[in-house]
Amino acid sequence: MKLFGDLIPLSRQAWTSRSYDDGSHGDLLVEGDTLEEKVADLAEMIRVAHLEGLQLGVHATGDRTIQLVIDAIAEAEAAPGSPSARELAHTVIHGDLATPKQIEQMAALGIWLNAQSGIATQTFEWLAALMGEDAAHEAWRFGDALDAGVLVLSSDAPVLNFDWRRGIADADARIVATAGAEGAERRLLGLLRAYTAVPAAQDRAAAWKGTIEVGKVADLAVLAADPFEVGAAGLPSVEVDLTVLDGRVVFERF
């Protein structure tokens, strides 16, 4: 089940602790006469879905919305006879303004963060103008999510281009900008997994996809160069030589 908790910071419609340039804090995308009613209703939607054993994907970009999602899932999980959040593999979609503490809480509960690195690359200055330079520098905590083991990368196409090579380069650049440049190979391995093995786990399908091994679906791409030789920044310029879908070659460059 997909729920829309809020919209996006760039339209001042993510529910945030820090104010926007007009003094507002955004809102929830839930019907209700008051913010308190909206908070209660969104929490109830999350609770009911969890208790029914449904996997949730919640569009949440503001830090207050993200905290509401985390708290509601934790409360639902604590109910007698309730399934675990880790088992259901709930997902926060986007999570632009998630804090390091919230990412830790997500990892403890088994909640995934499905993020889009191109958004950070393309809208950093926009967010800085709306919420200040500090807010922009503290947003899109891909490094924290990668270290916590909850980062899933996706394109949000057609909002962004679906080229995963560009996505990895953008994510790596963001991590370097926020946390230094140590461990380039370790980061690249983690980001490659964030487009392959980790999304399979998010889909609760790791037993049959996500890695190249006997018994799993043969969906893969063969690159013209070793990613670890060109590095994350060089990936967008590397050609795809071959694409295999369900065991069939569907593209050959030569």
Protein backbone atom coordinates (compact mmCIF):
# COMPACT_ATOMS: atom_id res chain seq x y z
CA MET A 1 0.00 0.00 0.00
CA LYS A 2 1.32 3.44 -0.92
CA LEU A 3 0.39 6.43 1.22
CA PHE A 4 1.20 10.08 0.62
CA GLY A 5 2.23 11.62 3.93
CA ASP A 6 3.30 14.98 2.57
CA LEU A 7 4.55 16.48 -0.68
CA ILE A 8 7.99 18.03 -1.22
CA PRO A 9 10.14 20.76 0.35
CA LEU A 10 10.49 22.56 -2.98
CA SER A 11 6.80 23.51 -2.91
CA ARG A 12 6.89 24.23 0.85
CA GLN A 13 4.59 21.23 1.31
CA ALA A 14 6.83 18.88 3.27
CA TRP A 15 6.02 18.94 6.99
CA THR A 16 9.20 20.18 8.64
CA SER A 17 10.66 21.28 11.95
CA ARG A 18 12.69 24.02 10.30
CA SER A 19 10.62 26.80 8.76
CA TYR A 20 10.56 27.80 5.10
CA ASP A 21 11.46 31.26 3.87
CA ASP A 22 7.84 32.39 4.36
CA GLY A 23 7.72 31.20 7.97
CA SER A 24 5.55 28.15 7.26
CA HIS A 25 6.31 24.50 8.13
CA GLY A 26 4.37 22.65 5.43
CA ASP A 27 1.54 20.23 6.04
CA LEU A 28 0.33 16.65 5.74
CA LEU A 29 -1.43 15.44 2.60
CA VAL A 30 -4.33 14.01 4.57
CA GLU A 31 -7.87 15.31 4.90
CA GLY A 32 -8.67 16.99 8.20
CA ASP A 33 -9.75 20.30 9.69
CA THR A 34 -6.68 20.54 11.92
CA LEU A 35 -3.11 19.33 11.79
CA GLU A 36 -3.81 17.19 14.85
CA GLU A 37 -6.61 15.40 12.99
CA LYS A 38 -4.33 14.79 10.02
CA VAL A 39 -1.59 13.38 12.24
CA ALA A 40 -4.05 11.01 13.91
CA ASP A 41 -5.57 9.90 10.61
CA LEU A 42 -2.23 9.18 8.93
CA ALA A 43 -1.05 7.26 11.99
CA GLU A 44 -4.27 5.24 11.91
CA MET A 45 -3.82 4.42 8.20
CA ILE A 46 -0.33 3.15 8.96
CA ARG A 47 -1.52 1.15 11.97
CA VAL A 48 -4.38 -0.54 10.10
CA ALA A 49 -2.19 -1.42 7.11
CA HIS A 50 0.52 -2.86 9.34
CA LEU A 51 -1.90 -4.96 11.37
CA GLU A 52 -3.36 -6.30 8.13
CA GLY A 53 0.13 -7.46 7.14
CA LEU A 54 0.44 -5.03 4.22
CA GLN A 55 3.78 -3.62 3.14
CA LEU A 56 3.72 0.17 3.26
CA GLY A 57 5.48 2.66 1.02
CA VAL A 58 4.95 6.11 2.54
CA HIS A 59 5.84 9.24 0.57
CA ALA A 60 7.48 11.29 3.31
CA THR A 61 10.02 14.06 2.72
CA GLY A 62 9.78 16.37 5.73
CA ASP A 63 11.47 15.35 8.98
CA ARG A 64 8.23 15.68 10.99
CA THR A 65 6.37 13.44 8.55
CA ILE A 66 9.18 10.89 8.62
CA GLN A 67 9.11 10.85 12.43
CA LEU A 68 5.35 10.33 12.38
CA VAL A 69 5.79 7.34 10.05
CA ILE A 70 8.51 5.82 12.23
CA ASP A 71 6.53 6.31 15.44
CA ALA A 72 3.30 4.94 13.94
CA ILE A 73 5.06 1.82 12.64
CA ALA A 74 6.80 1.26 15.99
CA GLU A 75 3.48 1.60 17.83
CA ALA A 76 1.71 -0.78 15.43
CA GLU A 77 4.52 -3.33 15.73
CA ALA A 78 4.20 -3.27 19.51
CA ALA A 79 0.56 -4.41 19.40
CA PRO A 80 0.01 -8.03 20.60
CA GLY A 81 0.22 -10.48 17.70
CA SER A 82 1.42 -7.81 15.27
CA PRO A 83 3.91 -8.72 12.51
CA SER A 84 7.34 -7.13 12.70
CA ALA A 85 8.14 -4.06 10.63
CA ARG A 86 11.27 -5.80 9.37
CA GLU A 87 9.21 -8.72 8.11
CA LEU A 88 6.81 -6.44 6.21
CA ALA A 89 9.69 -4.31 4.84
CA HIS A 90 7.97 -0.94 5.08
CA THR A 91 9.58 1.87 3.09
CA VAL A 92 9.93 5.63 3.47
CA ILE A 93 9.86 7.00 -0.07
CA HIS A 94 12.23 9.94 -0.73
CA GLY A 95 13.03 10.84 2.90
CA ASP A 96 14.80 14.01 1.77
CA LEU A 97 15.03 15.62 5.22
CA ALA A 98 15.51 12.48 7.31
CA THR A 99 17.90 13.12 10.20
CA PRO A 100 20.76 10.83 11.24
CA LYS A 101 18.77 9.83 14.35
CA GLN A 102 15.73 8.96 12.24
CA ILE A 103 17.86 6.81 9.95
CA GLU A 104 19.13 4.95 13.02
CA GLN A 105 15.52 4.41 14.12
CA MET A 106 14.60 3.14 10.67
CA ALA A 107 17.48 0.66 10.72
CA ALA A 108 16.44 -0.59 14.17
CA LEU A 109 12.88 -1.21 12.95
CA GLY A 110 13.83 -2.57 9.52
CA ILE A 111 12.34 0.32 7.53
CA TRP A 112 13.92 1.03 4.14
CA LEU A 113 14.77 4.49 2.78
CA ASN A 114 14.07 4.60 -0.96
CA ALA A 115 15.90 7.69 -2.20
CA GLN A 116 16.70 9.41 -5.48
CA SER A 117 20.15 10.95 -5.69
CA GLY A 118 19.34 13.07 -8.74
CA ILE A 119 16.93 15.11 -6.64
CA ALA A 120 19.79 16.17 -4.39
CA THR A 121 21.97 17.07 -7.36
CA GLN A 122 19.34 19.06 -9.20
CA THR A 123 17.57 20.83 -6.34
CA PHE A 124 20.25 21.59 -3.73
CA GLU A 125 20.33 25.33 -4.49
CA TRP A 126 16.54 25.47 -4.61
CA LEU A 127 16.26 23.92 -1.15
CA ALA A 128 18.96 26.25 0.17
CA ALA A 129 16.94 29.24 -1.04
CA LEU A 130 13.76 27.97 0.61
CA MET A 131 15.14 26.68 3.92
CA GLY A 132 18.69 27.98 4.20
CA GLU A 133 22.15 26.62 3.43
CA ASP A 134 22.27 24.56 6.65
CA ALA A 135 19.08 22.70 5.73
CA ALA A 136 20.39 21.89 2.26
CA HIS A 137 23.71 20.63 3.62
CA GLU A 138 21.92 18.44 6.17
CA ALA A 139 19.46 16.93 3.67
CA TRP A 140 19.74 13.71 1.64
CA ARG A 141 21.76 11.69 4.15
CA PHE A 142 22.76 8.96 1.70
CA GLY A 143 25.98 8.19 3.56
CA ASP A 144 24.19 7.65 6.86
CA ALA A 145 21.56 5.47 5.17
CA LEU A 146 24.24 3.45 3.38
CA ASP A 147 26.15 2.88 6.62
CA ALA A 148 22.91 1.90 8.37
CA GLY A 149 22.11 -0.64 5.65
CA VAL A 150 18.73 0.87 4.72
CA LEU A 151 19.54 2.78 1.52
CA VAL A 152 17.64 1.83 -1.63
CA LEU A 153 18.31 3.90 -4.75
CA SER A 154 15.71 4.43 -7.45
CA SER A 155 15.04 6.89 -10.24
CA ASP A 156 11.56 8.27 -9.55
CA ALA A 157 11.18 8.20 -13.34
CA PRO A 158 9.80 10.07 -15.21
CA VAL A 159 10.67 12.82 -12.70
CA LEU A 160 14.34 11.92 -13.22
CA ASN A 161 16.24 9.94 -15.81
CA PHE A 162 16.26 6.22 -14.99
CA ASP A 163 19.99 5.73 -15.73
CA TRP A 164 21.36 3.95 -12.66
CA ARG A 165 24.93 4.89 -13.62
CA ARG A 166 24.09 8.58 -13.22
CA GLY A 167 22.25 7.77 -9.99
CA ILE A 168 25.32 6.13 -8.47
CA ALA A 169 27.57 9.00 -9.51
CA ASP A 170 25.17 11.55 -7.99
CA ALA A 171 24.80 9.56 -4.76
CA ASP A 172 28.55 9.20 -4.39
CA ALA A 173 29.09 12.91 -4.98
CA ARG A 174 26.52 13.73 -2.33
CA ILE A 175 28.14 11.38 0.20
CA VAL A 176 31.57 12.88 -0.46
CA ALA A 177 30.14 16.39 -0.04
CA THR A 178 28.59 15.56 3.32
CA ALA A 179 30.99 13.06 4.85
CA GLY A 180 34.41 13.31 3.21
CA ALA A 181 36.07 11.19 0.54
CA GLU A 182 37.24 8.11 2.45
CA GLY A 183 36.47 4.55 1.33
CA ALA A 184 35.67 5.08 -2.35
CA GLU A 185 35.59 1.36 -3.21
CA ARG A 186 33.48 0.49 -0.18
CA ARG A 187 31.01 3.26 -1.08
CA LEU A 188 30.79 2.13 -4.68
CA LEU A 189 30.10 -1.46 -3.68
CA GLY A 190 27.37 -0.28 -1.35
CA LEU A 191 25.81 1.95 -4.01
CA LEU A 192 25.86 -0.84 -6.59
CA ARG A 193 24.06 -3.03 -4.08
CA ALA A 194 21.61 -0.19 -3.41
CA TYR A 195 20.43 -0.59 -7.01
CA THR A 196 20.42 -4.40 -7.01
CA ALA A 197 20.51 -6.65 -3.95
CA VAL A 198 19.02 -4.17 -1.49
CA PRO A 199 15.97 -3.27 -3.62
CA ALA A 200 15.33 -7.00 -3.95
CA ALA A 201 15.25 -7.22 -0.16
CA GLN A 202 12.94 -4.21 -0.05
CA ASP A 203 10.65 -6.08 -2.46
CA ARG A 204 10.85 -9.15 -0.19
CA ALA A 205 12.22 -10.95 -3.23
CA ALA A 206 15.87 -11.48 -2.34
CA ALA A 207 15.44 -15.25 -2.71
CA TRP A 208 14.91 -14.97 -6.46
CA LYS A 209 16.43 -11.70 -7.69
CA GLY A 210 18.97 -9.01 -6.91
CA THR A 211 22.24 -10.93 -7.24
CA ILE A 212 23.82 -13.00 -10.01
CA GLU A 213 23.70 -16.63 -8.91
CA VAL A 214 22.23 -19.96 -9.92
CA GLY A 215 18.51 -20.21 -9.38
CA LYS A 216 17.75 -16.49 -9.65
CA VAL A 217 16.25 -14.55 -12.54
CA ALA A 218 18.85 -13.64 -15.17
CA ASP A 219 18.29 -9.89 -15.35
CA LEU A 220 21.64 -8.17 -15.69
CA ALA A 221 23.76 -5.70 -17.62
CA VAL A 222 27.33 -6.17 -18.80
CA LEU A 223 29.42 -3.00 -18.81
CA ALA A 224 32.31 -2.12 -21.09
CA ALA A 225 34.56 -1.36 -18.11
CA ASP A 226 35.03 -2.44 -14.51
CA PRO A 227 33.13 0.01 -12.25
CA PHE A 228 35.91 -0.19 -9.68
CA GLU A 229 38.46 0.93 -12.26
CA VAL A 230 36.49 3.99 -13.44
CA GLY A 231 34.99 4.85 -10.06
CA ALA A 232 31.53 6.19 -9.31
CA ALA A 233 32.13 9.51 -11.08
CA GLY A 234 33.21 7.70 -14.24
CA LEU A 235 30.24 5.33 -14.41
CA PRO A 236 27.93 7.56 -16.52
CA SER A 237 30.41 7.46 -19.41
CA VAL A 238 30.74 3.65 -19.39
CA GLU A 239 28.82 1.95 -22.20
CA VAL A 240 26.46 -0.97 -21.62
CA ASP A 241 27.67 -3.83 -23.84
CA LEU A 242 24.90 -6.31 -23.15
CA THR A 243 21.53 -6.46 -21.39
CA VAL A 244 19.90 -9.74 -20.36
CA LEU A 245 16.26 -9.92 -19.29
CA ASP A 246 14.83 -13.16 -17.93
CA GLY A 247 17.72 -15.06 -19.50
CA ARG A 248 17.27 -13.51 -22.94
CA VAL A 249 19.68 -11.05 -24.56
CA VAL A 250 17.56 -7.97 -25.32
CA PHE A 251 20.40 -5.58 -26.21
CA GLU A 252 23.89 -5.86 -27.67
CA ARG A 253 26.03 -2.83 -28.39
CA PHE A 254 28.08 -4.61 -31.07
